[in-house]
Amino acid sequence: MVNSQHIRLLRCVFAGILLVNSLFFFRLNAQDIYLSHFDAAPQYLNPSLAGQYFGERNDFRVNGNFSGQSFGSFSNQYTTMALGYDFPVNKFGVGYFVINSRAGEGHYNILNLLVSGSYEISVDRRYRHNLLTGVQFGLMNHSFNQEKLFFANQYNPATGGFDASQASGENFNTTSLMMFDAGLGALYDFRDRRKPFNPFLGFSIFHATNPRLSFYDADYFYPLRFTIYSGIGINLSEFFQLSPRFLIIHQGKKQNMDAGVFSFYRIPYTKYEMITGLLVNSNDNITVHGGIKINNAQYRLSYGFNSFIEQQITTSRNMIELSVVFSKPSNVKASF
């Protein structure tokens, strides 16, 4: 019969194996924090979006994101929180962004502190054709709590449990790494509500400095992340738009793709706009989105789950994500 001590034993063994494997093979499997509300964290999607509002006159914009993932049950074994702030300066944009993620028994933590700068190359005064570029600099920290983990050398067969006083046998040079980070990006966006089709296409590169990441005495380097974000807005009426979108992320030996469609319905003669969406991920995840925009504030909620086929062969994975985007309109009237 399985008791609580056996369950704790299995959890500790699994956590130790998982951490050691991740530390040894991080160069091959490293992947950045994933957000299904990627457009609600613009600086994390593409540095060229910092402080750029496509003709809307705003003094600043604030975005907040929360994501909780669990495996099997909603224990939130993997949580992510992000906060961004950006503002325009003539044709330039400046932004600050912080994102933190924590996972597992060993509290493996990833913290990014980023500063972005963008520039609007396009000269279209009506903001129909928008060509943007941007760069990003910052710090990235990876850390874990070794005291929260047990390893095979600490197992005591006499007691049937782990003894924290015994040596783990793991020779970590450090449990916290701080690295300089940089990225760049560009984006083209066509916006005209009078036209039926409004396409956009963006490309970005993150971790351009290829920072060294190793808790041991080894030369493992954080892989570059290449991101392509594209789609099209289809204006079906003055109040209703459909927008097929896809996101491709290539990092190291891993590739992730999201494809789906969003709808935006502005309720006539009100301040409300309804948002719905469905995303299918190449990792066999499906995410259902819903939200509302009230004046200059947007609120979104999504629920992600494995497809029916995936649930038959693996542990069920669930994800809840929240995002809020708020912008403050400027008192300066648009020149056009």
Protein backbone atom coordinates (compact mmCIF):
# COMPACT_ATOMS: atom_id res chain seq x y z
CA MET A 1 0.00 0.00 0.00
CA VAL A 2 1.37 3.44 -0.98
CA ASN A 3 1.59 5.87 1.93
CA SER A 4 2.52 9.55 2.15
CA GLN A 5 6.20 8.74 2.83
CA HIS A 6 6.44 6.70 -0.37
CA ILE A 7 4.78 9.47 -2.33
CA ARG A 8 7.24 12.04 -0.96
CA LEU A 9 10.12 9.70 -1.77
CA LEU A 10 8.99 9.35 -5.38
CA ARG A 11 8.51 13.09 -5.73
CA CYS A 12 11.99 13.83 -4.40
CA VAL A 13 13.63 11.25 -6.66
CA PHE A 14 11.78 12.58 -9.67
CA ALA A 15 12.65 16.19 -8.84
CA GLY A 16 16.34 15.38 -8.42
CA ILE A 17 16.52 13.44 -11.68
CA LEU A 18 14.64 16.16 -13.52
CA LEU A 19 16.91 18.93 -12.27
CA VAL A 20 20.17 17.07 -12.96
CA ASN A 21 19.03 16.20 -16.47
CA SER A 22 17.99 19.78 -17.13
CA LEU A 23 21.34 21.11 -15.91
CA PHE A 24 23.41 18.67 -17.98
CA PHE A 25 21.42 18.94 -21.18
CA PHE A 26 20.16 22.51 -21.00
CA ARG A 27 22.13 23.47 -24.09
CA LEU A 28 20.07 21.03 -26.18
CA ASN A 29 16.68 21.57 -24.58
CA ALA A 30 16.70 25.20 -23.40
CA GLN A 31 13.60 27.10 -24.32
CA ASP A 32 12.29 30.48 -23.24
CA ILE A 33 9.18 31.10 -21.21
CA TYR A 34 6.05 30.56 -23.30
CA LEU A 35 3.04 32.88 -23.26
CA SER A 36 -0.09 32.08 -25.26
CA HIS A 37 -1.09 35.77 -24.89
CA PHE A 38 2.01 36.69 -26.89
CA ASP A 39 0.46 39.84 -28.36
CA ALA A 40 -0.41 41.04 -24.82
CA ALA A 41 3.33 41.12 -23.96
CA PRO A 42 4.56 43.14 -26.96
CA GLN A 43 8.17 43.67 -25.83
CA TYR A 44 8.60 39.93 -25.22
CA LEU A 45 7.24 39.25 -28.71
CA ASN A 46 9.25 41.84 -30.65
CA PRO A 47 11.41 44.76 -29.40
CA SER A 48 10.17 46.95 -32.27
CA LEU A 49 6.72 47.10 -30.62
CA ALA A 50 7.97 49.07 -27.61
CA GLY A 51 6.12 52.39 -27.45
CA GLN A 52 4.56 51.98 -30.91
CA TYR A 53 0.76 52.33 -31.08
CA PHE A 54 0.02 52.47 -34.85
CA GLY A 55 -1.51 55.92 -34.93
CA GLU A 56 -3.19 55.81 -31.53
CA ARG A 57 -2.03 58.73 -29.37
CA ASN A 58 -1.13 57.36 -25.94
CA ASP A 59 1.12 58.72 -23.21
CA PHE A 60 2.07 55.21 -22.09
CA ARG A 61 1.02 51.55 -22.04
CA VAL A 62 1.16 48.97 -19.23
CA ASN A 63 0.76 45.21 -19.66
CA GLY A 64 0.60 42.48 -17.03
CA ASN A 65 0.62 38.71 -17.59
CA PHE A 66 0.15 35.65 -15.39
CA SER A 67 0.42 32.02 -16.48
CA GLY A 68 -0.02 28.92 -14.34
CA GLN A 69 0.71 25.45 -15.72
CA SER A 70 0.14 22.13 -14.02
CA PHE A 71 0.58 18.48 -14.84
CA GLY A 72 -2.25 16.21 -13.76
CA SER A 73 -3.91 18.63 -11.33
CA PHE A 74 -4.00 22.38 -10.74
CA SER A 75 -1.03 22.51 -8.40
CA ASN A 76 0.54 25.29 -10.53
CA GLN A 77 3.93 23.57 -10.70
CA TYR A 78 5.04 26.14 -13.27
CA THR A 79 4.11 29.81 -12.82
CA THR A 80 5.05 32.88 -14.85
CA MET A 81 4.46 36.56 -14.14
CA ALA A 82 5.37 39.50 -16.37
CA LEU A 83 5.04 43.28 -16.28
CA GLY A 84 5.78 45.77 -19.04
CA TYR A 85 5.72 49.55 -19.43
CA ASP A 86 6.43 51.54 -22.59
CA PHE A 87 5.90 55.01 -24.01
CA PRO A 88 6.54 56.96 -27.25
CA VAL A 89 9.06 59.74 -27.84
CA ASN A 90 8.25 61.24 -31.25
CA LYS A 91 9.06 58.42 -33.71
CA PHE A 92 10.94 56.48 -31.06
CA GLY A 93 9.61 54.14 -28.40
CA VAL A 94 11.08 53.13 -25.03
CA GLY A 95 10.03 50.16 -22.94
CA TYR A 96 10.85 48.27 -19.74
CA PHE A 97 9.90 44.64 -19.24
CA VAL A 98 10.37 42.06 -16.49
CA ILE A 99 9.32 38.41 -16.64
CA ASN A 100 9.84 35.75 -13.97
CA SER A 101 9.10 32.03 -14.05
CA ARG A 102 9.43 29.37 -11.34
CA ALA A 103 9.07 25.59 -11.65
CA GLY A 104 9.47 22.36 -9.73
CA GLU A 105 10.50 21.20 -6.28
CA GLY A 106 13.87 22.93 -6.62
CA HIS A 107 12.28 26.31 -7.38
CA TYR A 108 14.11 26.61 -10.69
CA ASN A 109 13.76 30.32 -11.41
CA ILE A 110 14.25 32.35 -14.61
CA LEU A 111 14.25 36.15 -14.35
CA ASN A 112 14.61 38.56 -17.29
CA LEU A 113 15.05 42.33 -16.88
CA LEU A 114 14.88 44.05 -20.28
CA VAL A 115 15.02 47.55 -21.77
CA SER A 116 13.76 48.04 -25.33
CA GLY A 117 14.09 50.85 -27.85
CA SER A 118 12.20 51.12 -31.14
CA TYR A 119 12.09 53.42 -34.15
CA GLU A 120 9.36 54.01 -36.72
CA ILE A 121 10.98 53.99 -40.17
CA SER A 122 7.75 54.47 -42.10
CA VAL A 123 6.72 57.98 -43.18
CA ASP A 124 3.02 57.32 -43.77
CA ARG A 125 1.27 60.10 -41.83
CA ARG A 126 -2.00 58.15 -41.90
CA TYR A 127 -0.29 55.18 -40.15
CA ARG A 128 -1.53 52.70 -42.73
CA HIS A 129 1.94 51.39 -43.59
CA ASN A 130 3.96 50.87 -40.41
CA LEU A 131 7.58 49.71 -40.61
CA LEU A 132 9.24 49.39 -37.21
CA THR A 133 12.65 48.30 -35.91
CA GLY A 134 13.86 47.75 -32.37
CA VAL A 135 16.68 46.57 -30.12
CA GLN A 136 16.66 45.17 -26.61
CA PHE A 137 19.24 44.86 -23.82
CA GLY A 138 19.06 43.45 -20.34
CA LEU A 139 20.00 40.83 -17.79
CA MET A 140 18.92 37.21 -17.47
CA ASN A 141 19.23 35.21 -14.24
CA HIS A 142 18.84 31.44 -13.82
CA SER A 143 18.84 29.99 -10.30
CA PHE A 144 17.59 27.12 -8.16
CA ASN A 145 17.41 26.17 -4.49
CA GLN A 146 19.67 23.17 -3.90
CA GLU A 147 18.40 22.74 -0.32
CA LYS A 148 14.94 21.93 -1.67
CA LEU A 149 16.24 18.92 -3.60
CA PHE A 150 17.37 15.42 -2.68
CA PHE A 151 19.68 13.26 -4.77
CA ALA A 152 20.40 9.53 -5.00
CA ASN A 153 23.45 9.76 -2.69
CA GLN A 154 21.22 11.14 0.08
CA TYR A 155 18.88 8.17 0.17
CA ASN A 156 19.11 6.18 3.41
CA PRO A 157 17.86 2.59 2.96
CA ALA A 158 17.79 2.08 6.74
CA THR A 159 15.09 4.69 7.20
CA GLY A 160 13.53 4.42 3.75
CA GLY A 161 13.91 8.16 3.21
CA PHE A 162 16.35 10.94 2.37
CA ASP A 163 18.93 12.40 4.75
CA ALA A 164 19.69 16.06 4.02
CA SER A 165 22.87 15.88 6.15
CA GLN A 166 24.49 13.46 3.68
CA ALA A 167 26.55 14.83 0.79
CA SER A 168 24.59 15.00 -2.47
CA GLY A 169 27.58 14.18 -4.66
CA GLU A 170 26.72 17.07 -6.97
CA ASN A 171 29.47 19.62 -7.56
CA PHE A 172 27.71 22.80 -8.59
CA ASN A 173 29.98 25.77 -9.23
CA THR A 174 27.03 28.03 -8.47
CA THR A 175 23.27 27.89 -8.07
CA SER A 176 22.68 31.33 -9.61
CA LEU A 177 23.86 32.68 -12.97
CA MET A 178 23.58 36.29 -14.17
CA MET A 179 24.03 36.90 -17.89
CA PHE A 180 23.97 39.90 -20.24
CA ASP A 181 21.29 39.54 -22.91
CA ALA A 182 20.32 41.33 -26.13
CA GLY A 183 17.85 41.07 -28.99
CA LEU A 184 16.51 42.85 -32.06
CA GLY A 185 13.46 42.81 -34.29
CA ALA A 186 11.48 44.40 -37.11
CA LEU A 187 7.80 44.46 -38.03
CA TYR A 188 5.59 45.62 -40.89
CA ASP A 189 1.91 46.28 -40.21
CA PHE A 190 -0.76 47.59 -42.59
CA ARG A 191 -3.84 49.12 -40.90
CA ASP A 192 -6.82 50.62 -42.69
CA ARG A 193 -10.35 49.78 -41.52
CA ARG A 194 -11.65 50.81 -44.95
CA LYS A 195 -9.68 47.98 -46.59
CA PRO A 196 -10.87 44.34 -46.27
CA PHE A 197 -7.41 42.90 -45.53
CA ASN A 198 -4.80 44.24 -43.10
CA PRO A 199 -1.68 41.98 -43.08
CA PHE A 200 1.27 42.10 -40.68
CA LEU A 201 4.62 40.31 -40.42
CA GLY A 202 7.31 40.49 -37.75
CA PHE A 203 10.69 38.88 -37.17
CA SER A 204 12.88 38.97 -34.07
CA ILE A 205 16.05 37.43 -32.63
CA PHE A 206 16.62 37.05 -28.88
CA HIS A 207 19.75 36.07 -26.89
CA ALA A 208 21.94 37.49 -29.67
CA THR A 209 24.87 37.55 -27.21
CA ASN A 210 24.61 33.73 -26.91
CA PRO A 211 25.15 33.91 -23.10
CA ARG A 212 26.99 31.12 -21.31
CA LEU A 213 24.69 28.99 -19.16
CA SER A 214 26.18 26.26 -16.99
CA PHE A 215 25.97 25.47 -13.29
CA TYR A 216 28.96 23.18 -13.77
CA ASP A 217 32.41 23.85 -15.18
CA ALA A 218 31.32 23.47 -18.79
CA ASP A 219 30.78 25.68 -21.84
CA TYR A 220 27.05 25.48 -22.48
CA PHE A 221 25.53 28.45 -24.24
CA TYR A 222 21.95 29.68 -24.25
CA PRO A 223 20.56 29.14 -27.77
CA LEU A 224 19.25 31.98 -29.90
CA ARG A 225 15.48 32.35 -30.19
CA PHE A 226 14.12 33.18 -33.64
CA THR A 227 10.52 34.36 -33.76
CA ILE A 228 8.20 34.94 -36.73
CA TYR A 229 4.82 36.48 -35.98
CA SER A 230 2.34 37.02 -38.80
CA GLY A 231 -1.34 37.20 -39.63
CA ILE A 232 -4.03 39.24 -41.29
CA GLY A 233 -6.95 41.30 -40.08
CA ILE A 234 -10.10 40.67 -42.15
CA ASN A 235 -12.57 43.52 -41.76
CA LEU A 236 -15.98 41.97 -42.30
CA SER A 237 -17.83 45.10 -41.21
CA GLU A 238 -17.31 48.36 -39.39
CA PHE A 239 -17.67 46.54 -36.09
CA PHE A 240 -16.41 42.98 -36.72
CA GLN A 241 -12.93 41.68 -37.58
CA LEU A 242 -11.50 38.18 -37.93
CA SER A 243 -7.75 37.73 -37.57
CA PRO A 244 -5.97 34.46 -38.44
CA ARG A 245 -2.54 34.46 -36.78
CA PHE A 246 0.47 32.24 -36.39
CA LEU A 247 3.63 32.32 -34.31
CA ILE A 248 6.77 30.28 -35.04
CA ILE A 249 9.53 30.02 -32.42
CA HIS A 250 12.78 28.23 -33.21
CA GLN A 251 15.28 27.83 -30.39
CA GLY A 252 18.15 25.38 -30.35
CA LYS A 253 16.82 22.06 -31.55
CA LYS A 254 13.23 22.87 -30.65
CA GLN A 255 10.53 24.48 -32.75
CA ASN A 256 7.14 25.60 -31.55
CA MET A 257 4.26 26.86 -33.67
CA ASP A 258 0.90 28.39 -32.74
CA ALA A 259 -1.83 28.81 -35.32
CA GLY A 260 -5.35 30.04 -34.77
CA VAL A 261 -7.94 32.73 -35.31
CA PHE A 262 -9.19 35.63 -33.18
CA SER A 263 -12.36 37.68 -33.52
CA PHE A 264 -12.97 41.27 -32.42
CA TYR A 265 -16.52 42.57 -32.20
CA ARG A 266 -17.09 46.17 -31.21
CA ILE A 267 -20.62 46.53 -29.84
CA PRO A 268 -22.18 49.43 -31.77
CA TYR A 269 -22.49 52.75 -29.94
CA THR A 270 -20.82 51.40 -26.77
CA LYS A 271 -17.31 51.38 -25.28
CA TYR A 272 -17.10 47.56 -25.32
CA GLU A 273 -15.27 45.24 -27.70
CA MET A 274 -15.57 41.44 -27.32
CA ILE A 275 -12.54 39.22 -27.97
CA THR A 276 -12.58 35.47 -28.66
CA GLY A 277 -9.90 33.16 -30.00
CA LEU A 278 -8.67 29.62 -30.50
CA LEU A 279 -5.00 28.58 -30.77
CA VAL A 280 -3.61 25.17 -31.68
CA ASN A 281 -0.03 24.47 -30.65
CA SER A 282 2.39 22.13 -32.42
CA ASN A 283 2.91 20.41 -29.04
CA ASP A 284 -0.70 19.23 -29.31
CA ASN A 285 -2.12 21.87 -26.98
CA ILE A 286 -5.34 23.77 -27.57
CA THR A 287 -5.96 27.17 -25.98
CA VAL A 288 -9.36 28.87 -25.81
CA HIS A 289 -9.32 32.66 -25.38
CA GLY A 290 -11.93 35.16 -24.26
CA GLY A 291 -11.80 38.78 -23.26
CA ILE A 292 -13.20 42.27 -23.37
CA LYS A 293 -11.84 45.70 -24.20
CA ILE A 294 -13.36 48.66 -22.34
CA ASN A 295 -12.17 51.98 -23.68
CA ASN A 296 -8.37 51.76 -23.27
CA ALA A 297 -8.20 48.65 -21.09
CA GLN A 298 -8.12 45.08 -22.39
CA TYR A 299 -8.75 42.02 -20.18
CA ARG A 300 -8.16 38.46 -21.43
CA LEU A 301 -8.43 34.96 -19.99
CA SER A 302 -7.46 31.66 -21.61
CA TYR A 303 -7.51 27.98 -20.75
CA GLY A 304 -5.12 25.52 -22.39
CA PHE A 305 -5.32 21.73 -22.42
CA ASN A 306 -4.03 18.68 -24.25
CA SER A 307 -5.96 17.40 -27.22
CA PHE A 308 -7.96 14.20 -26.76
CA ILE A 309 -5.30 12.11 -28.51
CA GLU A 310 -2.47 13.51 -26.39
CA GLN A 311 -4.37 12.81 -23.16
CA GLN A 312 -4.44 9.12 -23.98
CA ILE A 313 -0.66 8.76 -24.02
CA THR A 314 0.62 11.33 -21.50
CA THR A 315 -0.22 13.16 -18.31
CA SER A 316 -2.88 15.83 -18.71
CA ARG A 317 -1.40 19.31 -18.88
CA ASN A 318 -3.46 22.39 -18.04
CA MET A 319 -2.68 26.07 -18.37
CA ILE A 320 -4.56 29.16 -17.21
CA GLU A 321 -3.36 32.55 -18.41
CA LEU A 322 -4.49 36.10 -17.62
CA SER A 323 -3.44 39.36 -19.22
CA VAL A 324 -4.30 43.03 -18.83
CA VAL A 325 -3.23 45.82 -21.19
CA PHE A 326 -3.95 49.43 -20.31
CA SER A 327 -3.01 52.57 -22.22
CA LYS A 328 -3.45 56.21 -21.26
CA PRO A 329 -4.70 58.41 -24.13
CA SER A 330 -2.67 61.52 -24.83
CA ASN A 331 -4.16 65.00 -24.67
CA VAL A 332 -2.23 65.86 -27.84
CA LYS A 333 -4.45 65.52 -30.88
CA ALA A 334 -3.26 63.54 -33.88
CA SER A 335 -1.72 65.73 -36.59
CA PHE A 336 -3.73 64.09 -39.36
